[in-house]
């Protein structure tokens, strides 16, 4: 099954998109030009691994996100080859928003604070999603005036559905600075089997800067610290949970049981099975 993507553009920017794809393990959400977005899950289920949150989304839910790095993740278990995921996205850009709403984002004052937020799709948002899907499938219907109207409608519907005082409050928060705690990102994603490059990306840092920051904060290399924390959690699970060793290895973020056994033995001097018996 191949990935199928369709888009609508406005002023040279993609503002609405529909993408269907087979199930995958992990896929980064790439941003450009300070883009915020809303993603409807139209079919299937997916999780979002953000710097400081992990959000599960199924059909009929959505996620609102500022311009921050995050990953989409899915589970392959119990999936058949013909199953897929379909999402519909609304992409928002500061320049377009300021033009459509005659609103200076730089001078705004915001009191609502979130970087990424799960949203339950009510009937109004569901109808909006269907109308956008229709336009994406029939781009000849989507002239500039219609696209402008749909963008304004989306902002109004989000303001109402999230009980936000007005559309300017919603927009000023959506494009306000993100708040990332380095330690919270590490703690939140310790057992996620992320590479150092992926972890650095969640921290909005280059890999080299991430390694320097990590050493300064934890006084240990990322690889050594993360491996040790995974093994410590595994040891706790071996004593407190009646789980298979292979399941524990997966739960704490190891790709293979062999790697898990080797790292465990290096720290505790015995295999996971021997540790459990002792």
Protein backbone atom coordinates (compact mmCIF):
# COMPACT_ATOMS: atom_id res chain seq x y z
CA UNK A 1 0.00 0.00 0.00
CA UNK A 2 1.43 3.36 -1.01
CA UNK A 3 1.17 6.80 0.60
CA UNK A 4 -1.33 9.04 -1.14
CA UNK A 5 -1.23 12.81 -0.56
CA UNK A 6 -3.43 15.65 -1.80
CA UNK A 7 -3.10 19.36 -0.98
CA UNK A 8 -4.75 22.75 -1.40
CA UNK A 9 -2.54 25.83 -1.47
CA UNK A 10 -3.17 29.50 -0.70
CA UNK A 11 -0.67 32.28 -1.45
CA UNK A 12 1.90 29.60 -2.28
CA UNK A 13 1.48 27.73 1.03
CA UNK A 14 -0.17 24.37 1.71
CA UNK A 15 -3.18 25.12 3.93
CA UNK A 16 -5.26 21.91 3.69
CA UNK A 17 -4.02 18.39 3.10
CA UNK A 18 -5.23 14.80 3.08
CA UNK A 19 -2.82 11.91 3.44
CA UNK A 20 -3.43 8.17 3.57
CA UNK A 21 -0.59 5.79 4.38
CA UNK A 22 0.05 2.24 5.59
CA UNK A 23 0.84 1.68 9.26
CA UNK A 24 4.40 2.61 10.25
CA UNK A 25 6.59 2.67 13.35
CA UNK A 26 7.57 6.33 13.71
CA UNK A 27 7.38 9.33 11.39
CA UNK A 28 8.51 12.91 12.12
CA UNK A 29 6.22 15.87 11.58
CA UNK A 30 8.26 18.35 9.60
CA UNK A 31 7.59 22.04 9.98
CA UNK A 32 8.43 25.08 7.90
CA UNK A 33 8.03 28.82 8.33
CA UNK A 34 6.60 28.79 11.86
CA UNK A 35 3.66 26.61 10.83
CA UNK A 36 1.02 25.58 13.37
CA UNK A 37 -1.44 22.85 12.50
CA UNK A 38 -4.49 20.81 13.34
CA UNK A 39 -4.71 17.14 12.34
CA UNK A 40 -7.99 15.20 12.10
CA UNK A 41 -7.70 11.41 12.34
CA UNK A 42 -10.09 10.43 9.57
CA UNK A 43 -9.32 6.70 9.63
CA UNK A 44 -7.22 4.42 11.82
CA UNK A 45 -5.35 5.28 15.00
CA UNK A 46 -2.04 6.95 15.74
CA UNK A 47 -0.09 8.36 18.69
CA UNK A 48 1.78 11.65 18.89
CA UNK A 49 5.10 11.76 20.75
CA UNK A 50 5.68 15.44 21.52
CA UNK A 51 8.60 16.76 23.60
CA UNK A 52 6.66 16.65 26.86
CA UNK A 53 3.45 14.74 26.04
CA UNK A 54 2.35 11.45 24.55
CA UNK A 55 -1.13 11.55 23.01
CA UNK A 56 -3.15 8.64 21.65
CA UNK A 57 -5.54 9.52 18.81
CA UNK A 58 -8.20 7.33 17.27
CA UNK A 59 -10.75 7.93 14.57
CA UNK A 60 -12.89 10.94 15.50
CA UNK A 61 -10.20 12.81 17.44
CA UNK A 62 -7.61 15.39 16.51
CA UNK A 63 -4.57 17.26 17.72
CA UNK A 64 -3.74 20.96 17.72
CA UNK A 65 -0.04 21.84 17.76
CA UNK A 66 2.19 24.87 17.70
CA UNK A 67 5.33 24.92 15.59
CA UNK A 68 7.20 22.24 17.53
CA UNK A 69 8.88 18.98 16.59
CA UNK A 70 7.04 15.74 17.28
CA UNK A 71 6.56 12.24 15.92
CA UNK A 72 3.60 10.20 14.78
CA UNK A 73 3.82 6.60 15.98
CA UNK A 74 1.68 3.51 15.35
CA UNK A 75 1.62 -0.10 16.49
CA UNK A 76 1.94 -2.81 13.85
CA UNK A 77 0.47 -5.52 16.08
CA UNK A 78 -2.80 -7.05 14.89
CA UNK A 79 -2.79 -5.00 11.65
CA UNK A 80 -3.66 -6.47 8.28
CA UNK A 81 -1.83 -5.39 5.11
CA UNK A 82 -4.86 -3.58 3.67
CA UNK A 83 -5.42 -1.35 6.72
CA UNK A 84 -4.20 2.23 6.62
CA UNK A 85 -4.32 5.61 8.33
CA UNK A 86 -5.88 8.72 6.82
CA UNK A 87 -5.44 12.22 8.23
CA UNK A 88 -6.74 15.61 7.17
CA UNK A 89 -4.64 18.61 8.17
CA UNK A 90 -5.22 22.34 8.49
CA UNK A 91 -1.97 24.31 8.32
CA UNK A 92 -1.75 27.85 9.67
CA UNK A 93 0.98 30.45 9.07
CA UNK A 94 1.54 33.78 10.86
CA UNK A 95 1.60 35.86 7.67
CA UNK A 96 -1.67 34.43 6.37
CA UNK A 97 -3.36 34.67 9.77
CA UNK A 98 -2.37 38.33 10.23
CA UNK A 99 -3.71 39.13 6.78
CA UNK A 100 -7.02 37.28 7.18
CA UNK A 101 -7.78 38.60 10.66
CA UNK A 102 -6.07 42.03 10.51
CA UNK A 103 -4.22 40.98 13.64
CA UNK A 104 -0.65 41.73 14.74
CA UNK A 105 0.60 38.56 16.42
CA UNK A 106 3.76 40.30 17.65
CA UNK A 107 1.75 42.68 19.85
CA UNK A 108 -0.71 40.10 21.18
CA UNK A 109 -1.04 39.12 24.84
CA UNK A 110 -1.99 35.50 25.53
CA UNK A 111 -3.09 33.87 28.78
CA UNK A 112 -3.91 30.34 27.55
CA UNK A 113 -0.84 28.14 27.46
CA UNK A 114 -0.42 24.86 25.58
CA UNK A 115 2.08 23.61 23.02
CA UNK A 116 0.09 20.60 21.83
CA UNK A 117 -3.46 19.60 22.71
CA UNK A 118 -5.81 16.69 21.99
CA UNK A 119 -9.22 17.77 20.72
CA UNK A 120 -12.46 15.78 20.64
CA UNK A 121 -14.19 16.31 17.30
CA UNK A 122 -17.72 17.59 17.83
CA UNK A 123 -20.42 17.70 15.15
CA UNK A 124 -19.42 21.15 13.89
CA UNK A 125 -15.77 20.17 13.51
CA UNK A 126 -16.81 16.90 11.87
CA UNK A 127 -18.87 18.80 9.29
CA UNK A 128 -15.94 21.16 8.72
CA UNK A 129 -13.62 18.19 8.14
CA UNK A 130 -16.01 16.73 5.57
CA UNK A 131 -16.27 20.02 3.70
CA UNK A 132 -12.47 20.37 3.57
CA UNK A 133 -12.14 16.78 2.38
CA UNK A 134 -14.62 17.53 -0.40
CA UNK A 135 -12.59 20.56 -1.50
CA UNK A 136 -9.33 18.61 -1.44
CA UNK A 137 -10.87 15.91 -3.62
CA UNK A 138 -12.33 18.56 -5.97
CA UNK A 139 -9.70 21.32 -6.11
CA UNK A 140 -11.49 23.08 -8.98
CA UNK A 141 -14.10 24.16 -6.40
CA UNK A 142 -11.55 25.73 -4.05
CA UNK A 143 -10.85 29.29 -5.17
CA UNK A 144 -9.13 31.84 -2.92
CA UNK A 145 -12.37 33.20 -1.44
CA UNK A 146 -13.56 29.73 -0.41
CA UNK A 147 -10.18 28.87 1.13
CA UNK A 148 -10.16 32.16 3.05
CA UNK A 149 -13.69 31.42 4.31
CA UNK A 150 -12.70 27.90 5.43
CA UNK A 151 -9.64 29.18 7.31
CA UNK A 152 -11.75 31.78 9.12
CA UNK A 153 -14.37 29.13 9.86
CA UNK A 154 -11.75 26.81 11.34
CA UNK A 155 -10.45 29.50 13.73
CA UNK A 156 -14.00 30.34 14.82
CA UNK A 157 -14.93 26.68 15.39
CA UNK A 158 -11.76 26.01 17.40
CA UNK A 159 -12.38 29.09 19.53
CA UNK A 160 -15.92 27.92 20.31
CA UNK A 161 -15.13 24.24 20.80
CA UNK A 162 -12.27 24.96 23.22
CA UNK A 163 -14.16 27.63 25.20
CA UNK A 164 -11.57 30.26 24.35
CA UNK A 165 -12.77 33.88 24.90
CA UNK A 166 -12.18 35.04 21.34
CA UNK A 167 -10.34 34.17 18.13
CA UNK A 168 -7.48 36.57 18.87
CA UNK A 169 -6.77 34.82 22.17
CA UNK A 170 -6.70 31.51 20.31
CA UNK A 171 -4.38 32.78 17.59
CA UNK A 172 -2.00 34.62 19.91
CA UNK A 173 -1.51 31.44 21.94
CA UNK A 174 -1.12 29.28 18.84
CA UNK A 175 1.85 31.36 17.71
CA UNK A 176 3.31 32.20 21.12
CA UNK A 177 6.74 30.76 22.04
CA UNK A 178 6.91 27.07 22.91
CA UNK A 179 8.01 25.97 26.37
CA UNK A 180 10.36 22.98 26.47
CA UNK A 181 11.98 21.69 29.66
CA UNK A 182 15.12 19.69 28.80
CA UNK A 183 14.79 17.41 31.83
CA UNK A 184 11.09 16.82 31.22
CA UNK A 185 11.75 15.80 27.60
CA UNK A 186 14.33 13.27 28.77
CA UNK A 187 12.11 11.88 31.53
CA UNK A 188 9.04 11.68 29.30
CA UNK A 189 10.87 9.76 26.56
CA UNK A 190 13.36 7.59 28.46
CA UNK A 191 11.73 4.29 27.45
CA UNK A 192 10.62 5.21 23.92
CA UNK A 193 13.52 3.61 22.02
CA UNK A 194 14.45 6.95 20.45
CA UNK A 195 17.82 7.45 18.80
CA UNK A 196 19.95 10.35 20.03
CA UNK A 197 19.12 12.21 16.82
CA UNK A 198 15.39 11.75 17.46
CA UNK A 199 15.69 12.77 21.11
CA UNK A 200 17.70 15.85 20.14
CA UNK A 201 15.01 16.78 17.63
CA UNK A 202 12.35 16.67 20.36
CA UNK A 203 14.52 19.10 22.33
CA UNK A 204 14.75 21.35 19.23
CA UNK A 205 18.53 20.97 19.26
CA UNK A 206 21.22 19.61 16.99
CA UNK A 207 22.67 16.26 18.09
CA UNK A 208 26.01 17.82 19.03
CA UNK A 209 24.33 20.56 21.11
CA UNK A 210 22.09 17.96 22.71
CA UNK A 211 25.07 15.83 23.79
CA UNK A 212 26.81 18.87 25.34
CA UNK A 213 23.64 19.93 27.15
CA UNK A 214 23.02 16.39 28.40
CA UNK A 215 26.53 16.06 29.80
CA UNK A 216 26.19 19.43 31.54
CA UNK A 217 22.85 18.48 33.14
CA UNK A 218 23.38 14.78 33.97
CA UNK A 219 27.21 14.57 34.09
CA UNK A 220 27.02 11.41 32.02
CA UNK A 221 26.77 10.58 28.33
CA UNK A 222 23.21 10.21 26.97
CA UNK A 223 23.82 6.63 25.85
CA UNK A 224 25.15 5.49 29.21
CA UNK A 225 22.54 7.33 31.29
CA UNK A 226 19.55 6.22 29.22
CA UNK A 227 20.71 2.60 29.09
CA UNK A 228 21.20 2.55 32.86
CA UNK A 229 17.74 4.03 33.53
CA UNK A 230 16.12 1.49 31.21
CA UNK A 231 17.86 -1.39 33.00
CA UNK A 232 16.89 -0.01 36.43
CA UNK A 233 13.24 0.11 35.35
CA UNK A 234 13.52 -3.39 33.91
CA UNK A 235 14.89 -4.67 37.22
CA UNK A 236 11.90 -3.15 39.01
CA UNK A 237 9.49 -4.79 36.56
CA UNK A 238 11.20 -8.16 36.90
CA UNK A 239 10.56 -8.05 40.64
CA UNK A 240 7.08 -6.51 40.64
CA UNK A 241 5.40 -7.73 37.44
CA UNK A 242 4.74 -11.20 36.08
CA UNK A 243 5.74 -10.26 32.54
CA UNK A 244 7.86 -12.18 30.07
CA UNK A 245 11.45 -11.00 29.80
CA UNK A 246 10.87 -10.20 26.13
CA UNK A 247 7.87 -8.01 27.01
CA UNK A 248 9.86 -6.13 29.63
CA UNK A 249 12.71 -5.58 27.17
CA UNK A 250 10.24 -4.01 24.74
CA UNK A 251 8.45 -1.97 27.42
CA UNK A 252 11.65 -0.27 28.56
CA UNK A 253 12.69 0.56 25.00
CA UNK A 254 15.07 -2.14 23.75
CA UNK A 255 14.78 -3.32 20.15
CA UNK A 256 15.95 -6.87 20.85
CA UNK A 257 16.04 -9.26 23.77
CA UNK A 258 19.72 -10.02 23.07
CA UNK A 259 20.69 -6.35 23.50
CA UNK A 260 18.58 -6.12 26.64
CA UNK A 261 20.17 -9.25 28.16
CA UNK A 262 23.67 -7.99 27.41
CA UNK A 263 23.06 -4.56 28.95
CA UNK A 264 21.32 -6.06 31.97
CA UNK A 265 24.17 -8.48 32.64
CA UNK A 266 26.71 -5.66 32.36
CA UNK A 267 25.00 -3.77 35.19
CA UNK A 268 23.68 -6.53 37.48
CA UNK A 269 26.17 -9.30 36.73
CA UNK A 270 23.45 -11.82 35.90
CA UNK A 271 20.82 -12.36 33.23
CA UNK A 272 17.27 -10.97 33.67
CA UNK A 273 15.93 -14.49 34.30
CA UNK A 274 18.62 -15.18 36.94
CA UNK A 275 17.90 -11.79 38.56
CA UNK A 276 14.19 -12.59 38.79
CA UNK A 277 14.88 -15.98 40.42
CA UNK A 278 17.23 -14.43 42.93
